Structures are given as structure tokens and as C-alpha cells.
Full PDB file with SEQRES, HELIX, SHEET, SSBOND, CRYST1, ORIGX, SCALE, CONECT and MASTER records, all heavy atoms in Angstrom:
SEQRES   1 A   38  GLN ASP GLY ALA GLN LEU HIS GLY ARG ILE LEU LYS LEU          
SEQRES   2 A   38  GLY ILE GLU CYS ASP PRO PHE ILE ARG ASN THR ILE ILE          
SEQRES   3 A   38  TYR MET TYR SER ASN CYS GLY TYR LEU VAL GLU ALA              
HELIX    1 AA1 ASP A    2  LEU A   13  1                                  12    
HELIX    2 AA2 PRO A   19  ASN A   31  1                                  13    
CRYST1    1.000    1.000    1.000  90.00  90.00  90.00 P 1           1          
ORIGX1      1.000000  0.000000  0.000000        0.00000                         
ORIGX2      0.000000  1.000000  0.000000        0.00000                         
ORIGX3      0.000000  0.000000  1.000000        0.00000                         
SCALE1      1.000000  0.000000  0.000000        0.00000                         
SCALE2      0.000000  1.000000  0.000000        0.00000                         
SCALE3      0.000000  0.000000  1.000000        0.00000                         
ATOM      1  N   GLN A   1       0.808  -1.201   0.034  1.00  0.00           N  
ATOM      2  CA  GLN A   1       0.064  -0.058   0.005  1.00  0.00           C  
ATOM      3  C   GLN A   1       0.812   1.285   0.000  1.00  0.00           C  
ATOM      4  O   GLN A   1       0.577   2.231  -0.741  1.00  0.00           O  
ATOM      5  CB  GLN A   1      -0.960   0.056   1.275  1.00  0.00           C  
ATOM      6  CG  GLN A   1      -2.062  -1.042   1.014  1.00  0.00           C  
ATOM      7  CD  GLN A   1      -2.982  -0.924   2.276  1.00  0.00           C  
ATOM      8  OE1 GLN A   1      -2.549  -0.842   3.394  1.00  0.00           O  
ATOM      9  NE2 GLN A   1      -4.293  -1.001   2.036  1.00  0.00           N  
ATOM     10  N   ASP A   2       1.932   1.200   0.806  1.00  0.00           N  
ATOM     11  CA  ASP A   2       2.860   2.385   0.772  1.00  0.00           C  
ATOM     12  C   ASP A   2       3.627   2.442  -0.469  1.00  0.00           C  
ATOM     13  O   ASP A   2       3.929   3.470  -1.084  1.00  0.00           O  
ATOM     14  CB  ASP A   2       3.905   2.358   1.957  1.00  0.00           C  
ATOM     15  CG  ASP A   2       3.180   2.469   3.280  1.00  0.00           C  
ATOM     16  OD1 ASP A   2       2.086   3.151   3.350  1.00  0.00           O  
ATOM     17  OD2 ASP A   2       3.694   1.929   4.304  1.00  0.00           O  
ATOM     18  N   GLY A   3       3.931   1.251  -1.045  1.00  0.00           N  
ATOM     19  CA  GLY A   3       4.707   1.169  -2.243  1.00  0.00           C  
ATOM     20  C   GLY A   3       3.886   1.627  -3.433  1.00  0.00           C  
ATOM     21  O   GLY A   3       4.367   2.194  -4.508  1.00  0.00           O  
ATOM     22  N   ALA A   4       2.561   1.557  -3.388  1.00  0.00           N  
ATOM     23  CA  ALA A   4       1.589   2.139  -4.354  1.00  0.00           C  
ATOM     24  C   ALA A   4       1.791   3.615  -4.581  1.00  0.00           C  
ATOM     25  O   ALA A   4       1.597   4.177  -5.614  1.00  0.00           O  
ATOM     26  CB  ALA A   4       0.226   1.709  -4.058  1.00  0.00           C  
ATOM     27  N   GLN A   5       2.145   4.271  -3.413  1.00  0.00           N  
ATOM     28  CA  GLN A   5       2.345   5.754  -3.474  1.00  0.00           C  
ATOM     29  C   GLN A   5       3.543   6.051  -4.381  1.00  0.00           C  
ATOM     30  O   GLN A   5       3.576   6.984  -5.206  1.00  0.00           O  
ATOM     31  CB  GLN A   5       2.539   6.318  -2.084  1.00  0.00           C  
ATOM     32  CG  GLN A   5       1.256   6.169  -1.216  1.00  0.00           C  
ATOM     33  CD  GLN A   5       1.515   6.858   0.163  1.00  0.00           C  
ATOM     34  OE1 GLN A   5       2.163   7.726   0.335  1.00  0.00           O  
ATOM     35  NE2 GLN A   5       0.799   6.249   1.082  1.00  0.00           N  
ATOM     36  N   LEU A   6       4.614   5.298  -4.239  1.00  0.00           N  
ATOM     37  CA  LEU A   6       5.785   5.469  -4.933  1.00  0.00           C  
ATOM     38  C   LEU A   6       5.422   4.998  -6.416  1.00  0.00           C  
ATOM     39  O   LEU A   6       6.084   5.731  -7.460  1.00  0.00           O  
ATOM     40  CB  LEU A   6       6.900   4.515  -4.444  1.00  0.00           C  
ATOM     41  CG  LEU A   6       8.268   4.733  -5.141  1.00  0.00           C  
ATOM     42  CD1 LEU A   6       8.914   6.103  -4.944  1.00  0.00           C  
ATOM     43  CD2 LEU A   6       9.231   3.643  -4.691  1.00  0.00           C  
ATOM     44  N   HIS A   7       4.631   4.098  -6.604  1.00  0.00           N  
ATOM     45  CA  HIS A   7       4.202   3.721  -8.028  1.00  0.00           C  
ATOM     46  C   HIS A   7       3.450   4.902  -8.650  1.00  0.00           C  
ATOM     47  O   HIS A   7       3.683   5.259  -9.871  1.00  0.00           O  
ATOM     48  CB  HIS A   7       3.204   2.538  -7.929  1.00  0.00           C  
ATOM     49  CG  HIS A   7       2.832   2.006  -9.251  1.00  0.00           C  
ATOM     50  ND1 HIS A   7       1.837   1.144  -9.469  1.00  0.00           N  
ATOM     51  CD2 HIS A   7       3.245   2.371 -10.557  1.00  0.00           C  
ATOM     52  CE1 HIS A   7       1.654   0.876 -10.719  1.00  0.00           C  
ATOM     53  NE2 HIS A   7       2.490   1.582 -11.358  1.00  0.00           N  
ATOM     54  N   GLY A   8       2.679   5.650  -7.903  1.00  0.00           N  
ATOM     55  CA  GLY A   8       2.099   7.002  -8.359  1.00  0.00           C  
ATOM     56  C   GLY A   8       3.102   7.913  -8.832  1.00  0.00           C  
ATOM     57  O   GLY A   8       2.975   8.591  -9.886  1.00  0.00           O  
ATOM     58  N   ARG A   9       4.266   8.097  -8.076  1.00  0.00           N  
ATOM     59  CA  ARG A   9       5.346   9.033  -8.475  1.00  0.00           C  
ATOM     60  C   ARG A   9       5.952   8.494  -9.782  1.00  0.00           C  
ATOM     61  O   ARG A   9       6.237   9.337 -10.740  1.00  0.00           O  
ATOM     62  CB  ARG A   9       6.406   9.055  -7.397  1.00  0.00           C  
ATOM     63  CG  ARG A   9       7.587   9.889  -7.762  1.00  0.00           C  
ATOM     64  CD  ARG A   9       8.658   9.788  -6.642  1.00  0.00           C  
ATOM     65  NE  ARG A   9       9.873  10.529  -6.916  1.00  0.00           N  
ATOM     66  CZ  ARG A   9      10.081  11.830  -6.695  1.00  0.00           C  
ATOM     67  NH1 ARG A   9       9.129  12.473  -6.040  1.00  0.00           N  
ATOM     68  NH2 ARG A   9      11.155  12.414  -7.028  1.00  0.00           N  
ATOM     69  N   ILE A  10       6.065   7.176  -9.949  1.00  0.00           N  
ATOM     70  CA  ILE A  10       6.625   6.655 -11.252  1.00  0.00           C  
ATOM     71  C   ILE A  10       5.669   6.975 -12.385  1.00  0.00           C  
ATOM     72  O   ILE A  10       6.157   7.324 -13.536  1.00  0.00           O  
ATOM     73  CB  ILE A  10       6.797   5.092 -11.130  1.00  0.00           C  
ATOM     74  CG1 ILE A  10       7.803   4.814 -10.002  1.00  0.00           C  
ATOM     75  CG2 ILE A  10       7.170   4.489 -12.467  1.00  0.00           C  
ATOM     76  CD1 ILE A  10       9.243   5.275 -10.286  1.00  0.00           C  
ATOM     77  N   LEU A  11       4.387   6.901 -12.221  1.00  0.00           N  
ATOM     78  CA  LEU A  11       3.499   7.205 -13.194  1.00  0.00           C  
ATOM     79  C   LEU A  11       3.615   8.724 -13.635  1.00  0.00           C  
ATOM     80  O   LEU A  11       3.552   9.159 -14.749  1.00  0.00           O  
ATOM     81  CB  LEU A  11       2.058   6.943 -12.886  1.00  0.00           C  
ATOM     82  CG  LEU A  11       1.642   5.446 -12.717  1.00  0.00           C  
ATOM     83  CD1 LEU A  11       0.383   5.199 -12.056  1.00  0.00           C  
ATOM     84  CD2 LEU A  11       1.617   4.799 -14.046  1.00  0.00           C  
ATOM     85  N   LYS A  12       3.732   9.585 -12.634  1.00  0.00           N  
ATOM     86  CA  LYS A  12       3.854  11.042 -12.906  1.00  0.00           C  
ATOM     87  C   LYS A  12       5.132  11.326 -13.665  1.00  0.00           C  
ATOM     88  O   LYS A  12       5.129  12.198 -14.566  1.00  0.00           O  
ATOM     89  CB  LYS A  12       3.879  11.819 -11.541  1.00  0.00           C  
ATOM     90  CG  LYS A  12       2.654  11.938 -10.928  1.00  0.00           C  
ATOM     91  CD  LYS A  12       2.600  12.853  -9.610  1.00  0.00           C  
ATOM     92  CE  LYS A  12       1.267  12.977  -9.089  1.00  0.00           C  
ATOM     93  NZ  LYS A  12       1.252  13.775  -7.825  1.00  0.00           N  
ATOM     94  N   LEU A  13       6.179  10.620 -13.352  1.00  0.00           N  
ATOM     95  CA  LEU A  13       7.529  10.809 -14.043  1.00  0.00           C  
ATOM     96  C   LEU A  13       7.391  10.182 -15.502  1.00  0.00           C  
ATOM     97  O   LEU A  13       8.382  10.396 -16.309  1.00  0.00           O  
ATOM     98  CB  LEU A  13       8.584  10.157 -13.265  1.00  0.00           C  
ATOM     99  CG  LEU A  13       8.898  10.896 -11.844  1.00  0.00           C  
ATOM    100  CD1 LEU A  13       9.967  10.066 -11.070  1.00  0.00           C  
ATOM    101  CD2 LEU A  13       9.494  12.312 -12.078  1.00  0.00           C  
ATOM    102  N   GLY A  14       6.489   9.277 -15.699  1.00  0.00           N  
ATOM    103  CA  GLY A  14       6.402   8.647 -17.074  1.00  0.00           C  
ATOM    104  C   GLY A  14       7.362   7.664 -17.272  1.00  0.00           C  
ATOM    105  O   GLY A  14       7.808   7.375 -18.447  1.00  0.00           O  
ATOM    106  N   ILE A  15       7.919   6.895 -16.204  1.00  0.00           N  
ATOM    107  CA  ILE A  15       8.984   5.916 -16.476  1.00  0.00           C  
ATOM    108  C   ILE A  15       8.490   4.491 -16.029  1.00  0.00           C  
ATOM    109  O   ILE A  15       9.223   3.562 -15.808  1.00  0.00           O  
ATOM    110  CB  ILE A  15      10.139   6.290 -15.601  1.00  0.00           C  
ATOM    111  CG1 ILE A  15       9.843   6.465 -14.064  1.00  0.00           C  
ATOM    112  CG2 ILE A  15      10.884   7.479 -16.211  1.00  0.00           C  
ATOM    113  CD1 ILE A  15      11.112   6.815 -13.202  1.00  0.00           C  
ATOM    114  N   GLU A  16       7.123   4.239 -16.018  1.00  0.00           N  
ATOM    115  CA  GLU A  16       6.658   2.900 -15.725  1.00  0.00           C  
ATOM    116  C   GLU A  16       6.954   1.943 -16.737  1.00  0.00           C  
ATOM    117  O   GLU A  16       7.156   0.736 -16.563  1.00  0.00           O  
ATOM    118  CB  GLU A  16       5.155   2.990 -15.512  1.00  0.00           C  
ATOM    119  CG  GLU A  16       4.486   1.744 -14.992  1.00  0.00           C  
ATOM    120  CD  GLU A  16       3.001   1.589 -15.111  1.00  0.00           C  
ATOM    121  OE1 GLU A  16       2.464   1.951 -16.179  1.00  0.00           O  
ATOM    122  OE2 GLU A  16       2.402   1.299 -13.992  1.00  0.00           O  
ATOM    123  N   CYS A  17       7.118   2.435 -17.954  1.00  0.00           N  
ATOM    124  CA  CYS A  17       7.445   1.502 -19.079  1.00  0.00           C  
ATOM    125  C   CYS A  17       8.953   1.018 -19.047  1.00  0.00           C  
ATOM    126  O   CYS A  17       9.273   0.124 -19.790  1.00  0.00           O  
ATOM    127  CB  CYS A  17       7.258   2.236 -20.432  1.00  0.00           C  
ATOM    128  SG  CYS A  17       8.235   3.740 -20.604  1.00  0.00           S  
ATOM    129  N   ASP A  18       9.653   1.535 -18.152  1.00  0.00           N  
ATOM    130  CA  ASP A  18      11.134   1.039 -17.973  1.00  0.00           C  
ATOM    131  C   ASP A  18      11.037  -0.391 -17.480  1.00  0.00           C  
ATOM    132  O   ASP A  18      10.449  -0.609 -16.393  1.00  0.00           O  
ATOM    133  CB  ASP A  18      11.926   1.881 -17.062  1.00  0.00           C  
ATOM    134  CG  ASP A  18      13.367   1.393 -16.832  1.00  0.00           C  
ATOM    135  OD1 ASP A  18      13.514   0.467 -15.996  1.00  0.00           O  
ATOM    136  OD2 ASP A  18      14.230   1.920 -17.538  1.00  0.00           O  
ATOM    137  N   PRO A  19      11.531  -1.425 -18.142  1.00  0.00           N  
ATOM    138  CA  PRO A  19      11.327  -2.869 -17.745  1.00  0.00           C  
ATOM    139  C   PRO A  19      11.901  -3.151 -16.359  1.00  0.00           C  
ATOM    140  O   PRO A  19      11.255  -3.928 -15.601  1.00  0.00           O  
ATOM    141  CB  PRO A  19      12.100  -3.561 -18.879  1.00  0.00           C  
ATOM    142  CG  PRO A  19      12.228  -2.766 -20.009  1.00  0.00           C  
ATOM    143  CD  PRO A  19      12.289  -1.375 -19.422  1.00  0.00           C  
ATOM    144  N   PHE A  20      13.061  -2.517 -16.007  1.00  0.00           N  
ATOM    145  CA  PHE A  20      13.593  -2.795 -14.725  1.00  0.00           C  
ATOM    146  C   PHE A  20      12.737  -2.323 -13.635  1.00  0.00           C  
ATOM    147  O   PHE A  20      12.390  -2.992 -12.561  1.00  0.00           O  
ATOM    148  CB  PHE A  20      15.029  -2.133 -14.666  1.00  0.00           C  
ATOM    149  CG  PHE A  20      15.900  -2.664 -13.548  1.00  0.00           C  
ATOM    150  CD1 PHE A  20      15.763  -3.981 -13.145  1.00  0.00           C  
ATOM    151  CD2 PHE A  20      16.860  -1.792 -12.978  1.00  0.00           C  
ATOM    152  CE1 PHE A  20      16.588  -4.402 -12.106  1.00  0.00           C  
ATOM    153  CE2 PHE A  20      17.649  -2.326 -11.962  1.00  0.00           C  
ATOM    154  CZ  PHE A  20      17.564  -3.618 -11.506  1.00  0.00           C  
ATOM    155  N   ILE A  21      12.229  -1.113 -13.783  1.00  0.00           N  
ATOM    156  CA  ILE A  21      11.307  -0.519 -12.760  1.00  0.00           C  
ATOM    157  C   ILE A  21      10.006  -1.357 -12.694  1.00  0.00           C  
ATOM    158  O   ILE A  21       9.485  -1.636 -11.639  1.00  0.00           O  
ATOM    159  CB  ILE A  21      11.029   0.917 -13.041  1.00  0.00           C  
ATOM    160  CG1 ILE A  21      12.244   1.736 -12.812  1.00  0.00           C  
ATOM    161  CG2 ILE A  21       9.955   1.578 -12.152  1.00  0.00           C  
ATOM    162  CD1 ILE A  21      12.243   3.204 -13.275  1.00  0.00           C  
ATOM    163  N   ARG A  22       9.435  -1.558 -13.988  1.00  0.00           N  
ATOM    164  CA  ARG A  22       8.154  -2.273 -13.942  1.00  0.00           C  
ATOM    165  C   ARG A  22       8.241  -3.665 -13.291  1.00  0.00           C  
ATOM    166  O   ARG A  22       7.301  -4.156 -12.614  1.00  0.00           O  
ATOM    167  CB  ARG A  22       7.734  -2.373 -15.491  1.00  0.00           C  
ATOM    168  CG  ARG A  22       6.322  -3.024 -15.598  1.00  0.00           C  
ATOM    169  CD  ARG A  22       5.836  -2.969 -17.005  1.00  0.00           C  
ATOM    170  NE  ARG A  22       6.703  -3.787 -17.854  1.00  0.00           N  
ATOM    171  CZ  ARG A  22       7.305  -3.513 -18.987  1.00  0.00           C  
ATOM    172  NH1 ARG A  22       7.232  -2.351 -19.479  1.00  0.00           N  
ATOM    173  NH2 ARG A  22       8.034  -4.417 -19.744  1.00  0.00           N  
ATOM    174  N   ASN A  23       9.305  -4.385 -13.570  1.00  0.00           N  
ATOM    175  CA  ASN A  23       9.496  -5.673 -13.000  1.00  0.00           C  
ATOM    176  C   ASN A  23       9.404  -5.732 -11.519  1.00  0.00           C  
ATOM    177  O   ASN A  23       8.847  -6.504 -10.782  1.00  0.00           O  
ATOM    178  CB  ASN A  23      10.790  -6.326 -13.468  1.00  0.00           C  
ATOM    179  CG  ASN A  23      10.735  -6.847 -14.866  1.00  0.00           C  
ATOM    180  OD1 ASN A  23       9.676  -6.902 -15.469  1.00  0.00           O  
ATOM    181  ND2 ASN A  23      11.922  -7.084 -15.427  1.00  0.00           N  
ATOM    182  N   THR A  24      10.040  -4.648 -10.847  1.00  0.00           N  
ATOM    183  CA  THR A  24      10.115  -4.642  -9.404  1.00  0.00           C  
ATOM    184  C   THR A  24       8.810  -4.248  -8.840  1.00  0.00           C  
ATOM    185  O   THR A  24       8.515  -4.591  -7.701  1.00  0.00           O  
ATOM    186  CB  THR A  24      11.256  -3.710  -8.968  1.00  0.00           C  
ATOM    187  OG1 THR A  24      11.179  -2.384  -9.563  1.00  0.00           O  
ATOM    188  CG2 THR A  24      12.617  -4.259  -9.160  1.00  0.00           C  
ATOM    189  N   ILE A  25       8.107  -3.489  -9.591  1.00  0.00           N  
ATOM    190  CA  ILE A  25       6.566  -3.086  -9.147  1.00  0.00           C  
ATOM    191  C   ILE A  25       5.806  -4.278  -9.148  1.00  0.00           C  
ATOM    192  O   ILE A  25       5.001  -4.644  -8.171  1.00  0.00           O  
ATOM    193  CB  ILE A  25       6.055  -2.039 -10.058  1.00  0.00           C  
ATOM    194  CG1 ILE A  25       6.864  -0.767  -9.985  1.00  0.00           C  
ATOM    195  CG2 ILE A  25       4.622  -1.695  -9.651  1.00  0.00           C  
ATOM    196  CD1 ILE A  25       6.407   0.429 -10.959  1.00  0.00           C  
ATOM    197  N   ILE A  26       5.858  -5.132 -10.242  1.00  0.00           N  
ATOM    198  CA  ILE A  26       5.120  -6.392 -10.307  1.00  0.00           C  
ATOM    199  C   ILE A  26       5.484  -7.340  -9.156  1.00  0.00           C  
ATOM    200  O   ILE A  26       4.733  -7.920  -8.592  1.00  0.00           O  
ATOM    201  CB  ILE A  26       5.366  -7.030 -11.647  1.00  0.00           C  
ATOM    202  CG1 ILE A  26       4.715  -6.264 -12.799  1.00  0.00           C  
ATOM    203  CG2 ILE A  26       4.839  -8.475 -11.663  1.00  0.00           C  
ATOM    204  CD1 ILE A  26       5.089  -6.686 -14.176  1.00  0.00           C  
ATOM    205  N   TYR A  27       6.818  -7.314  -8.869  1.00  0.00           N  
ATOM    206  CA  TYR A  27       7.266  -8.257  -7.860  1.00  0.00           C  
ATOM    207  C   TYR A  27       6.774  -7.750  -6.456  1.00  0.00           C  
ATOM    208  O   TYR A  27       6.346  -8.707  -5.654  1.00  0.00           O  
ATOM    209  CB  TYR A  27       8.856  -8.124  -7.794  1.00  0.00           C  
ATOM    210  CG  TYR A  27       9.454  -8.817  -6.568  1.00  0.00           C  
ATOM    211  CD1 TYR A  27       9.510 -10.222  -6.464  1.00  0.00           C  
ATOM    212  CD2 TYR A  27       9.995  -8.051  -5.541  1.00  0.00           C  
ATOM    213  CE1 TYR A  27      10.047 -10.843  -5.328  1.00  0.00           C  
ATOM    214  CE2 TYR A  27      10.630  -8.728  -4.478  1.00  0.00           C  
ATOM    215  CZ  TYR A  27      10.584 -10.022  -4.388  1.00  0.00           C  
ATOM    216  OH  TYR A  27      11.150 -10.642  -3.179  1.00  0.00           O  
ATOM    217  N   MET A  28       6.770  -6.432  -6.262  1.00  0.00           N  
ATOM    218  CA  MET A  28       6.262  -5.969  -5.029  1.00  0.00           C  
ATOM    219  C   MET A  28       4.773  -6.372  -4.807  1.00  0.00           C  
ATOM    220  O   MET A  28       4.397  -6.863  -3.731  1.00  0.00           O  
ATOM    221  CB  MET A  28       6.329  -4.436  -4.957  1.00  0.00           C  
ATOM    222  CG  MET A  28       5.815  -3.738  -3.702  1.00  0.00           C  
ATOM    223  SD  MET A  28       5.583  -1.922  -3.769  1.00  0.00           S  
ATOM    224  CE  MET A  28       4.267  -1.833  -4.936  1.00  0.00           C  
ATOM    225  N   TYR A  29       4.002  -6.089  -5.824  1.00  0.00           N  
ATOM    226  CA  TYR A  29       2.537  -6.398  -5.675  1.00  0.00           C  
ATOM    227  C   TYR A  29       2.252  -7.884  -5.464  1.00  0.00           C  
ATOM    228  O   TYR A  29       1.475  -8.269  -4.627  1.00  0.00           O  
ATOM    229  CB  TYR A  29       1.704  -5.883  -6.901  1.00  0.00           C  
ATOM    230  CG  TYR A  29       1.531  -4.384  -6.946  1.00  0.00           C  
ATOM    231  CD1 TYR A  29       1.762  -3.608  -8.017  1.00  0.00           C  
ATOM    232  CD2 TYR A  29       0.914  -3.675  -5.794  1.00  0.00           C  
ATOM    233  CE1 TYR A  29       1.528  -2.306  -8.111  1.00  0.00           C  
ATOM    234  CE2 TYR A  29       0.708  -2.342  -5.797  1.00  0.00           C  
ATOM    235  CZ  TYR A  29       1.030  -1.623  -6.990  1.00  0.00           C  
ATOM    236  OH  TYR A  29       0.813  -0.295  -7.021  1.00  0.00           O  
ATOM    237  N   SER A  30       2.939  -8.726  -6.350  1.00  0.00           N  
ATOM    238  CA  SER A  30       2.679 -10.157  -6.303  1.00  0.00           C  
ATOM    239  C   SER A  30       3.253 -10.639  -4.932  1.00  0.00           C  
ATOM    240  O   SER A  30       2.585 -11.606  -4.378  1.00  0.00           O  
ATOM    241  CB  SER A  30       3.365 -10.856  -7.437  1.00  0.00           C  
ATOM    242  OG  SER A  30       4.696 -10.650  -7.468  1.00  0.00           O  
ATOM    243  N   ASN A  31       4.353 -10.245  -4.497  1.00  0.00           N  
ATOM    244  CA  ASN A  31       4.994 -10.751  -3.297  1.00  0.00           C  
ATOM    245  C   ASN A  31       4.081 -10.406  -2.054  1.00  0.00           C  
ATOM    246  O   ASN A  31       3.975 -11.166  -1.057  1.00  0.00           O  
ATOM    247  CB  ASN A  31       6.370 -10.194  -3.023  1.00  0.00           C  
ATOM    248  CG  ASN A  31       7.171 -10.820  -1.915  1.00  0.00           C  
ATOM    249  OD1 ASN A  31       7.474 -12.103  -1.992  1.00  0.00           O  
ATOM    250  ND2 ASN A  31       7.382 -10.087  -0.885  1.00  0.00           N  
ATOM    251  N   CYS A  32       3.374  -9.342  -2.140  1.00  0.00           N  
ATOM    252  CA  CYS A  32       2.500  -8.850  -0.945  1.00  0.00           C  
ATOM    253  C   CYS A  32       1.117  -9.356  -1.096  1.00  0.00           C  
ATOM    254  O   CYS A  32       0.282  -9.029  -0.251  1.00  0.00           O  
ATOM    255  CB  CYS A  32       2.592  -7.299  -0.890  1.00  0.00           C  
ATOM    256  SG  CYS A  32       4.233  -6.677  -0.442  1.00  0.00           S  
ATOM    257  N   GLY A  33       0.742 -10.150  -2.165  1.00  0.00           N  
ATOM    258  CA  GLY A  33      -0.614 -10.713  -2.316  1.00  0.00           C  
ATOM    259  C   GLY A  33      -1.522  -9.763  -3.018  1.00  0.00           C  
ATOM    260  O   GLY A  33      -2.738 -10.094  -3.100  1.00  0.00           O  
ATOM    261  N   TYR A  34      -0.988  -8.676  -3.670  1.00  0.00           N  
ATOM    262  CA  TYR A  34      -1.885  -7.792  -4.323  1.00  0.00           C  
ATOM    263  C   TYR A  34      -1.861  -8.365  -5.801  1.00  0.00           C  
ATOM    264  O   TYR A  34      -1.326  -7.571  -6.772  1.00  0.00           O  
ATOM    265  CB  TYR A  34      -1.373  -6.372  -4.254  1.00  0.00           C  
ATOM    266  CG  TYR A  34      -1.690  -5.712  -2.991  1.00  0.00           C  
ATOM    267  CD1 TYR A  34      -0.879  -6.042  -1.787  1.00  0.00           C  
ATOM    268  CD2 TYR A  34      -2.689  -4.718  -2.795  1.00  0.00           C  
ATOM    269  CE1 TYR A  34      -1.229  -5.515  -0.596  1.00  0.00           C  
ATOM    270  CE2 TYR A  34      -3.020  -4.178  -1.459  1.00  0.00           C  
ATOM    271  CZ  TYR A  34      -2.199  -4.577  -0.535  1.00  0.00           C  
ATOM    272  OH  TYR A  34      -2.572  -4.008   0.766  1.00  0.00           O  
ATOM    273  N   LEU A  35      -2.450  -9.476  -6.143  1.00  0.00           N  
ATOM    274  CA  LEU A  35      -2.350 -10.159  -7.359  1.00  0.00           C  
ATOM    275  C   LEU A  35      -3.206  -9.371  -8.466  1.00  0.00           C  
ATOM    276  O   LEU A  35      -2.722  -9.484  -9.721  1.00  0.00           O  
ATOM    277  CB  LEU A  35      -2.797 -11.623  -7.231  1.00  0.00           C  
ATOM    278  CG  LEU A  35      -1.955 -12.405  -6.277  1.00  0.00           C  
ATOM    279  CD1 LEU A  35      -2.583 -13.711  -6.040  1.00  0.00           C  
ATOM    280  CD2 LEU A  35      -0.497 -12.562  -6.775  1.00  0.00           C  
ATOM    281  N   VAL A  36      -4.305  -8.757  -8.195  1.00  0.00           N  
ATOM    282  CA  VAL A  36      -5.054  -8.027  -9.219  1.00  0.00           C  
ATOM    283  C   VAL A  36      -4.259  -6.919  -9.681  1.00  0.00           C  
ATOM    284  O   VAL A  36      -4.114  -6.715 -11.024  1.00  0.00           O  
ATOM    285  CB  VAL A  36      -6.339  -7.392  -8.571  1.00  0.00           C  
ATOM    286  CG1 VAL A  36      -7.069  -6.569  -9.551  1.00  0.00           C  
ATOM    287  CG2 VAL A  36      -7.220  -8.596  -8.105  1.00  0.00           C  
ATOM    288  N   GLU A  37      -3.489  -6.156  -8.918  1.00  0.00           N  
ATOM    289  CA  GLU A  37      -2.686  -4.973  -9.366  1.00  0.00           C  
ATOM    290  C   GLU A  37      -1.432  -5.534 -10.111  1.00  0.00           C  
ATOM    291  O   GLU A  37      -1.115  -4.984 -11.156  1.00  0.00           O  
ATOM    292  CB  GLU A  37      -2.193  -4.220  -8.080  1.00  0.00           C  
ATOM    293  CG  GLU A  37      -3.255  -3.395  -7.393  1.00  0.00           C  
ATOM    294  CD  GLU A  37      -4.130  -4.263  -6.460  1.00  0.00           C  
ATOM    295  OE1 GLU A  37      -3.915  -5.385  -6.407  1.00  0.00           O  
ATOM    296  OE2 GLU A  37      -4.984  -3.655  -5.817  1.00  0.00           O  
ATOM    297  N   ALA A  38      -0.814  -6.572  -9.591  1.00  0.00           N  
ATOM    298  CA  ALA A  38       0.218  -7.157 -10.318  1.00  0.00           C  
ATOM    299  C   ALA A  38      -0.123  -7.709 -11.707  1.00  0.00           C  
ATOM    300  O   ALA A  38       0.559  -7.441 -12.647  1.00  0.00           O  
ATOM    301  CB  ALA A  38       0.806  -8.307  -9.502  1.00  0.00           C  
TER     302      ALA A  38                                                      
MASTER        0    0    0    2    0    0    0    6  301    1    0    3          
END                                                                             
């Protein structure tokens, strides 16, 4: 949930498409059980 705020910053910066960043966001959501978001 706190990481989602940082995800919002990534969206504002327009760098979510960076594979390295995107992979770690997916990892965060899936590891914490937020499978819909992941």
C-alpha cells in the first residue's frame, strides 16, 4: 500500500514503461498478495 504511492510517483514521471522498474513493481505487488494489481 505504501509502495503504491511510490508507483504513483513513477506514473507522474512517465517511467513505468522502463522494464527494470516495472518488474520490481510487479514483484512488490505479487509478493505482498496484491495479485489483481500485479
